Amino acid sequence: MLDDLRSSIDFSFSEEEEPTPPSTRRRRRRGQFLGMTAAQRFVLSLLLFLMTVVLGMLCLVVTGRMMLF
């Protein structure tokens, strides 16, 4: 019984797992963020800025802090 136990322990240590090769990670291209080019990012940021300005002006008009005419 103990011989079987010793052989089973030796058996598990003798078969070491082979080291896996390091995975090749794909590098992102430097010029893109979220899959967009520089021009597309600029247009998106410009639209976001304009939406912020329009919503801010709308809030000022609604609260009465600014008059249209």
PDB file of N, CA and C in Angstrom:
ATOM      1  N   MET A   1       0.814  -1.183   0.000  1.00  0.00           N
ATOM      2  CA  MET A   1       0.000   0.000   0.000  1.00  0.00           C
ATOM      3  C   MET A   1       0.865   1.257   0.000  1.00  0.00           C
ATOM      4  N   LEU A   2       1.862   1.304   0.863  1.00  0.00           N
ATOM      5  CA  LEU A   2       2.734   2.467   0.897  1.00  0.00           C
ATOM      6  C   LEU A   2       3.596   2.557  -0.353  1.00  0.00           C
ATOM      7  N   ASP A   3       3.942   1.413  -0.931  1.00  0.00           N
ATOM      8  CA  ASP A   3       4.718   1.437  -2.166  1.00  0.00           C
ATOM      9  C   ASP A   3       3.916   2.089  -3.286  1.00  0.00           C
ATOM     10  N   ASP A   4       2.646   1.768  -3.354  1.00  0.00           N
ATOM     11  CA  ASP A   4       1.795   2.397  -4.362  1.00  0.00           C
ATOM     12  C   ASP A   4       1.693   3.901  -4.132  1.00  0.00           C
ATOM     13  N   LEU A   5       1.590   4.288  -2.886  1.00  0.00           N
ATOM     14  CA  LEU A   5       1.492   5.705  -2.561  1.00  0.00           C
ATOM     15  C   LEU A   5       2.756   6.444  -2.982  1.00  0.00           C
ATOM     16  N   ARG A   6       3.907   5.851  -2.681  1.00  0.00           N
ATOM     17  CA  ARG A   6       5.169   6.481  -3.065  1.00  0.00           C
ATOM     18  C   ARG A   6       5.318   6.548  -4.575  1.00  0.00           C
ATOM     19  N   SER A   7       4.941   5.504  -5.256  1.00  0.00           N
ATOM     20  CA  SER A   7       5.086   5.512  -6.712  1.00  0.00           C
ATOM     21  C   SER A   7       4.119   6.517  -7.350  1.00  0.00           C
ATOM     22  N   SER A   8       2.945   6.662  -6.774  1.00  0.00           N
ATOM     23  CA  SER A   8       2.005   7.631  -7.341  1.00  0.00           C
ATOM     24  C   SER A   8       2.493   9.056  -7.112  1.00  0.00           C
ATOM     25  N   ILE A   9       3.120   9.302  -5.972  1.00  0.00           N
ATOM     26  CA  ILE A   9       3.666  10.629  -5.706  1.00  0.00           C
ATOM     27  C   ILE A   9       4.831  10.913  -6.640  1.00  0.00           C
ATOM     28  N   ASP A  10       5.731   9.963  -6.808  1.00  0.00           N
ATOM     29  CA  ASP A  10       6.858  10.144  -7.718  1.00  0.00           C
ATOM     30  C   ASP A  10       6.377  10.324  -9.147  1.00  0.00           C
ATOM     31  N   PHE A  11       5.321   9.635  -9.496  1.00  0.00           N
ATOM     32  CA  PHE A  11       4.806   9.708 -10.853  1.00  0.00           C
ATOM     33  C   PHE A  11       4.296  11.120 -11.167  1.00  0.00           C
ATOM     34  N   SER A  12       3.621  11.754 -10.213  1.00  0.00           N
ATOM     35  CA  SER A  12       3.061  13.076 -10.476  1.00  0.00           C
ATOM     36  C   SER A  12       4.155  14.143 -10.573  1.00  0.00           C
ATOM     37  N   PHE A  13       5.250  13.969  -9.821  1.00  0.00           N
ATOM     38  CA  PHE A  13       6.327  14.941  -9.894  1.00  0.00           C
ATOM     39  C   PHE A  13       7.232  14.712 -11.090  1.00  0.00           C
ATOM     40  N   SER A  14       7.308  13.486 -11.543  1.00  0.00           N
ATOM     41  CA  SER A  14       8.216  13.206 -12.651  1.00  0.00           C
ATOM     42  C   SER A  14       7.671  13.757 -13.963  1.00  0.00           C
ATOM     43  N   GLU A  15       6.370  13.890 -14.060  1.00  0.00           N
ATOM     44  CA  GLU A  15       5.777  14.431 -15.286  1.00  0.00           C
ATOM     45  C   GLU A  15       5.485  15.913 -15.090  1.00  0.00           C
ATOM     46  N   GLU A  16       6.478  16.699 -15.263  1.00  0.00           N
ATOM     47  CA  GLU A  16       6.269  18.137 -15.137  1.00  0.00           C
ATOM     48  C   GLU A  16       5.652  18.669 -16.417  1.00  0.00           C
ATOM     49  N   GLU A  17       4.844  19.663 -16.257  1.00  0.00           N
ATOM     50  CA  GLU A  17       4.209  20.257 -17.423  1.00  0.00           C
ATOM     51  C   GLU A  17       5.240  21.033 -18.223  1.00  0.00           C
ATOM     52  N   GLU A  18       5.095  20.944 -19.522  1.00  0.00           N
ATOM     53  CA  GLU A  18       6.010  21.690 -20.381  1.00  0.00           C
ATOM     54  C   GLU A  18       5.637  23.166 -20.316  1.00  0.00           C
ATOM     55  N   PRO A  19       6.627  24.018 -20.219  1.00  0.00           N
ATOM     56  CA  PRO A  19       6.296  25.452 -20.185  1.00  0.00           C
ATOM     57  C   PRO A  19       5.698  25.885 -21.515  1.00  0.00           C
ATOM     58  N   THR A  20       4.648  26.645 -21.417  1.00  0.00           N
ATOM     59  CA  THR A  20       4.011  27.124 -22.638  1.00  0.00           C
ATOM     60  C   THR A  20       4.791  28.322 -23.160  1.00  0.00           C
ATOM     61  N   PRO A  21       4.923  28.420 -24.460  1.00  0.00           N
ATOM     62  CA  PRO A  21       5.648  29.573 -25.007  1.00  0.00           C
ATOM     63  C   PRO A  21       4.862  30.849 -24.731  1.00  0.00           C
ATOM     64  N   PRO A  22       5.555  31.943 -24.523  1.00  0.00           N
ATOM     65  CA  PRO A  22       4.834  33.193 -24.247  1.00  0.00           C
ATOM     66  C   PRO A  22       3.949  33.558 -25.430  1.00  0.00           C
ATOM     67  N   SER A  23       2.738  33.948 -25.113  1.00  0.00           N
ATOM     68  CA  SER A  23       1.799  34.282 -26.177  1.00  0.00           C
ATOM     69  C   SER A  23       2.227  35.584 -26.844  1.00  0.00           C
ATOM     70  N   THR A  24       2.095  35.594 -28.128  1.00  0.00           N
ATOM     71  CA  THR A  24       2.441  36.806 -28.874  1.00  0.00           C
ATOM     72  C   THR A  24       1.244  37.741 -28.801  1.00  0.00           C
ATOM     73  N   ARG A  25       1.438  38.855 -28.154  1.00  0.00           N
ATOM     74  CA  ARG A  25       0.368  39.826 -28.012  1.00  0.00           C
ATOM     75  C   ARG A  25       0.393  40.773 -29.198  1.00  0.00           C
ATOM     76  N   ARG A  26      -0.793  41.056 -29.675  1.00  0.00           N
ATOM     77  CA  ARG A  26      -0.896  41.969 -30.806  1.00  0.00           C
ATOM     78  C   ARG A  26      -0.729  43.389 -30.302  1.00  0.00           C
ATOM     79  N   ARG A  27       0.112  44.111 -30.966  1.00  0.00           N
ATOM     80  CA  ARG A  27       0.339  45.503 -30.581  1.00  0.00           C
ATOM     81  C   ARG A  27      -0.614  46.392 -31.360  1.00  0.00           C
ATOM     82  N   ARG A  28      -1.137  47.367 -30.656  1.00  0.00           N
ATOM     83  CA  ARG A  28      -2.025  48.313 -31.323  1.00  0.00           C
ATOM     84  C   ARG A  28      -1.205  49.282 -32.158  1.00  0.00           C
ATOM     85  N   ARG A  29      -1.834  49.717 -33.209  1.00  0.00           N
ATOM     86  CA  ARG A  29      -1.191  50.774 -33.982  1.00  0.00           C
ATOM     87  C   ARG A  29      -1.297  52.066 -33.207  1.00  0.00           C
ATOM     88  N   ARG A  30      -0.255  52.846 -33.238  1.00  0.00           N
ATOM     89  CA  ARG A  30      -0.191  54.047 -32.421  1.00  0.00           C
ATOM     90  C   ARG A  30      -1.178  55.116 -32.871  1.00  0.00           C
ATOM     91  N   GLY A  31      -1.529  55.172 -34.143  1.00  0.00           N
ATOM     92  CA  GLY A  31      -2.341  56.264 -34.646  1.00  0.00           C
ATOM     93  C   GLY A  31      -3.831  56.081 -34.478  1.00  0.00           C
ATOM     94  N   GLN A  32      -4.271  55.020 -33.823  1.00  0.00           N
ATOM     95  CA  GLN A  32      -5.705  54.799 -33.741  1.00  0.00           C
ATOM     96  C   GLN A  32      -6.139  54.579 -32.302  1.00  0.00           C
ATOM     97  N   PHE A  33      -7.291  55.134 -31.992  1.00  0.00           N
ATOM     98  CA  PHE A  33      -7.923  54.946 -30.692  1.00  0.00           C
ATOM     99  C   PHE A  33      -9.377  54.602 -30.964  1.00  0.00           C
ATOM    100  N   LEU A  34      -9.837  53.495 -30.456  1.00  0.00           N
ATOM    101  CA  LEU A  34     -11.186  52.985 -30.713  1.00  0.00           C
ATOM    102  C   LEU A  34     -11.423  52.766 -32.204  1.00  0.00           C
ATOM    103  N   GLY A  35     -10.380  52.473 -32.937  1.00  0.00           N
ATOM    104  CA  GLY A  35     -10.515  52.181 -34.355  1.00  0.00           C
ATOM    105  C   GLY A  35     -10.766  53.403 -35.218  1.00  0.00           C
ATOM    106  N   MET A  36     -10.454  54.589 -34.713  1.00  0.00           N
ATOM    107  CA  MET A  36     -10.704  55.813 -35.473  1.00  0.00           C
ATOM    108  C   MET A  36      -9.394  56.481 -35.856  1.00  0.00           C
ATOM    109  N   THR A  37      -9.432  57.173 -36.966  1.00  0.00           N
ATOM    110  CA  THR A  37      -8.267  57.939 -37.393  1.00  0.00           C
ATOM    111  C   THR A  37      -8.266  59.279 -36.665  1.00  0.00           C
ATOM    112  N   ALA A  38      -7.228  60.054 -36.871  1.00  0.00           N
ATOM    113  CA  ALA A  38      -7.118  61.351 -36.200  1.00  0.00           C
ATOM    114  C   ALA A  38      -8.244  62.295 -36.627  1.00  0.00           C
ATOM    115  N   ALA A  39      -8.589  62.289 -37.893  1.00  0.00           N
ATOM    116  CA  ALA A  39      -9.652  63.172 -38.377  1.00  0.00           C
ATOM    117  C   ALA A  39     -11.002  62.787 -37.769  1.00  0.00           C
ATOM    118  N   GLN A  40     -11.265  61.505 -37.662  1.00  0.00           N
ATOM    119  CA  GLN A  40     -12.524  61.060 -37.073  1.00  0.00           C
ATOM    120  C   GLN A  40     -12.596  61.415 -35.589  1.00  0.00           C
ATOM    121  N   ARG A  41     -11.481  61.291 -34.888  1.00  0.00           N
ATOM    122  CA  ARG A  41     -11.452  61.672 -33.472  1.00  0.00           C
ATOM    123  C   ARG A  41     -11.679  63.168 -33.311  1.00  0.00           C
ATOM    124  N   PHE A  42     -11.116  63.963 -34.226  1.00  0.00           N
ATOM    125  CA  PHE A  42     -11.298  65.414 -34.167  1.00  0.00           C
ATOM    126  C   PHE A  42     -12.761  65.785 -34.372  1.00  0.00           C
ATOM    127  N   VAL A  43     -13.404  65.183 -35.358  1.00  0.00           N
ATOM    128  CA  VAL A  43     -14.815  65.475 -35.624  1.00  0.00           C
ATOM    129  C   VAL A  43     -15.665  65.071 -34.428  1.00  0.00           C
ATOM    130  N   LEU A  44     -15.375  63.935 -33.846  1.00  0.00           N
ATOM    131  CA  LEU A  44     -16.128  63.478 -32.684  1.00  0.00           C
ATOM    132  C   LEU A  44     -15.960  64.427 -31.497  1.00  0.00           C
ATOM    133  N   SER A  45     -14.738  64.879 -31.259  1.00  0.00           N
ATOM    134  CA  SER A  45     -14.514  65.809 -30.147  1.00  0.00           C
ATOM    135  C   SER A  45     -15.155  67.166 -30.432  1.00  0.00           C
ATOM    136  N   LEU A  46     -15.144  67.603 -31.682  1.00  0.00           N
ATOM    137  CA  LEU A  46     -15.790  68.862 -32.045  1.00  0.00           C
ATOM    138  C   LEU A  46     -17.301  68.781 -31.832  1.00  0.00           C
ATOM    139  N   LEU A  47     -17.910  67.676 -32.232  1.00  0.00           N
ATOM    140  CA  LEU A  47     -19.347  67.498 -32.023  1.00  0.00           C
ATOM    141  C   LEU A  47     -19.688  67.442 -30.533  1.00  0.00           C
ATOM    142  N   LEU A  48     -18.859  66.786 -29.759  1.00  0.00           N
ATOM    143  CA  LEU A  48     -19.082  66.729 -28.315  1.00  0.00           C
ATOM    144  C   LEU A  48     -18.988  68.123 -27.692  1.00  0.00           C
ATOM    145  N   PHE A  49     -18.018  68.902 -28.145  1.00  0.00           N
ATOM    146  CA  PHE A  49     -17.870  70.273 -27.647  1.00  0.00           C
ATOM    147  C   PHE A  49     -19.091  71.119 -28.010  1.00  0.00           C
ATOM    148  N   LEU A  50     -19.538  71.033 -29.257  1.00  0.00           N
ATOM    149  CA  LEU A  50     -20.692  71.826 -29.686  1.00  0.00           C
ATOM    150  C   LEU A  50     -21.961  71.417 -28.945  1.00  0.00           C
ATOM    151  N   MET A  51     -22.139  70.129 -28.700  1.00  0.00           N
ATOM    152  CA  MET A  51     -23.303  69.676 -27.935  1.00  0.00           C
ATOM    153  C   MET A  51     -23.270  70.227 -26.514  1.00  0.00           C
ATOM    154  N   THR A  52     -22.089  70.281 -25.925  1.00  0.00           N
ATOM    155  CA  THR A  52     -21.946  70.819 -24.575  1.00  0.00           C
ATOM    156  C   THR A  52     -22.289  72.307 -24.546  1.00  0.00           C
ATOM    157  N   VAL A  53     -21.827  73.039 -25.543  1.00  0.00           N
ATOM    158  CA  VAL A  53     -22.119  74.477 -25.614  1.00  0.00           C
ATOM    159  C   VAL A  53     -23.611  74.709 -25.792  1.00  0.00           C
ATOM    160  N   VAL A  54     -24.236  73.966 -26.691  1.00  0.00           N
ATOM    161  CA  VAL A  54     -25.668  74.153 -26.951  1.00  0.00           C
ATOM    162  C   VAL A  54     -26.488  73.794 -25.713  1.00  0.00           C
ATOM    163  N   LEU A  55     -26.163  72.690 -25.061  1.00  0.00           N
ATOM    164  CA  LEU A  55     -26.909  72.306 -23.857  1.00  0.00           C
ATOM    165  C   LEU A  55     -26.683  73.300 -22.715  1.00  0.00           C
ATOM    166  N   GLY A  56     -25.493  73.840 -22.605  1.00  0.00           N
ATOM    167  CA  GLY A  56     -25.225  74.859 -21.592  1.00  0.00           C
ATOM    168  C   GLY A  56     -26.022  76.120 -21.844  1.00  0.00           C
ATOM    169  N   MET A  57     -26.075  76.549 -23.100  1.00  0.00           N
ATOM    170  CA  MET A  57     -26.868  77.734 -23.454  1.00  0.00           C
ATOM    171  C   MET A  57     -28.349  77.485 -23.202  1.00  0.00           C
ATOM    172  N   LEU A  58     -28.819  76.294 -23.517  1.00  0.00           N
ATOM    173  CA  LEU A  58     -30.221  75.955 -23.283  1.00  0.00           C
ATOM    174  C   LEU A  58     -30.549  76.004 -21.792  1.00  0.00           C
ATOM    175  N   CYS A  59     -29.656  75.501 -20.979  1.00  0.00           N
ATOM    176  CA  CYS A  59     -29.871  75.555 -19.524  1.00  0.00           C
ATOM    177  C   CYS A  59     -29.900  76.998 -19.032  1.00  0.00           C
ATOM    178  N   LEU A  60     -29.042  77.855 -19.570  1.00  0.00           N
ATOM    179  CA  LEU A  60     -29.040  79.262 -19.172  1.00  0.00           C
ATOM    180  C   LEU A  60     -30.330  79.955 -19.583  1.00  0.00           C
ATOM    181  N   VAL A  61     -30.846  79.642 -20.771  1.00  0.00           N
ATOM    182  CA  VAL A  61     -32.098  80.248 -21.232  1.00  0.00           C
ATOM    183  C   VAL A  61     -33.260  79.761 -20.379  1.00  0.00           C
ATOM    184  N   VAL A  62     -33.290  78.470 -20.070  1.00  0.00           N
ATOM    185  CA  VAL A  62     -34.397  77.910 -19.288  1.00  0.00           C
ATOM    186  C   VAL A  62     -34.417  78.484 -17.876  1.00  0.00           C
ATOM    187  N   THR A  63     -33.271  78.658 -17.275  1.00  0.00           N
ATOM    188  CA  THR A  63     -33.231  79.187 -15.908  1.00  0.00           C
ATOM    189  C   THR A  63     -33.390  80.703 -15.862  1.00  0.00           C
ATOM    190  N   GLY A  64     -33.387  81.374 -17.005  1.00  0.00           N
ATOM    191  CA  GLY A  64     -33.608  82.811 -17.052  1.00  0.00           C
ATOM    192  C   GLY A  64     -32.362  83.631 -16.804  1.00  0.00           C
ATOM    193  N   ARG A  65     -31.230  83.065 -16.824  1.00  0.00           N
ATOM    194  CA  ARG A  65     -29.988  83.808 -16.599  1.00  0.00           C
ATOM    195  C   ARG A  65     -29.483  84.460 -17.886  1.00  0.00           C
ATOM    196  N   MET A  66     -30.080  84.075 -19.016  1.00  0.00           N
ATOM    197  CA  MET A  66     -29.674  84.658 -20.290  1.00  0.00           C
ATOM    198  C   MET A  66     -30.926  84.836 -21.138  1.00  0.00           C
ATOM    199  N   MET A  67     -31.006  85.959 -21.822  1.00  0.00           N
ATOM    200  CA  MET A  67     -32.139  86.229 -22.702  1.00  0.00           C
ATOM    201  C   MET A  67     -31.694  86.034 -24.146  1.00  0.00           C
ATOM    202  N   LEU A  68     -32.589  85.537 -24.974  1.00  0.00           N
ATOM    203  CA  LEU A  68     -32.238  85.328 -26.375  1.00  0.00           C
ATOM    204  C   LEU A  68     -32.100  86.653 -27.112  1.00  0.00           C
ATOM    205  N   PHE A  69     -33.040  87.584 -26.900  1.00  0.00           N
ATOM    206  CA  PHE A  69     -32.966  88.869 -27.607  1.00  0.00           C
ATOM    207  C   PHE A  69     -33.122  89.996 -26.638  1.00  0.00           C
TER     208      PHE A  69
END
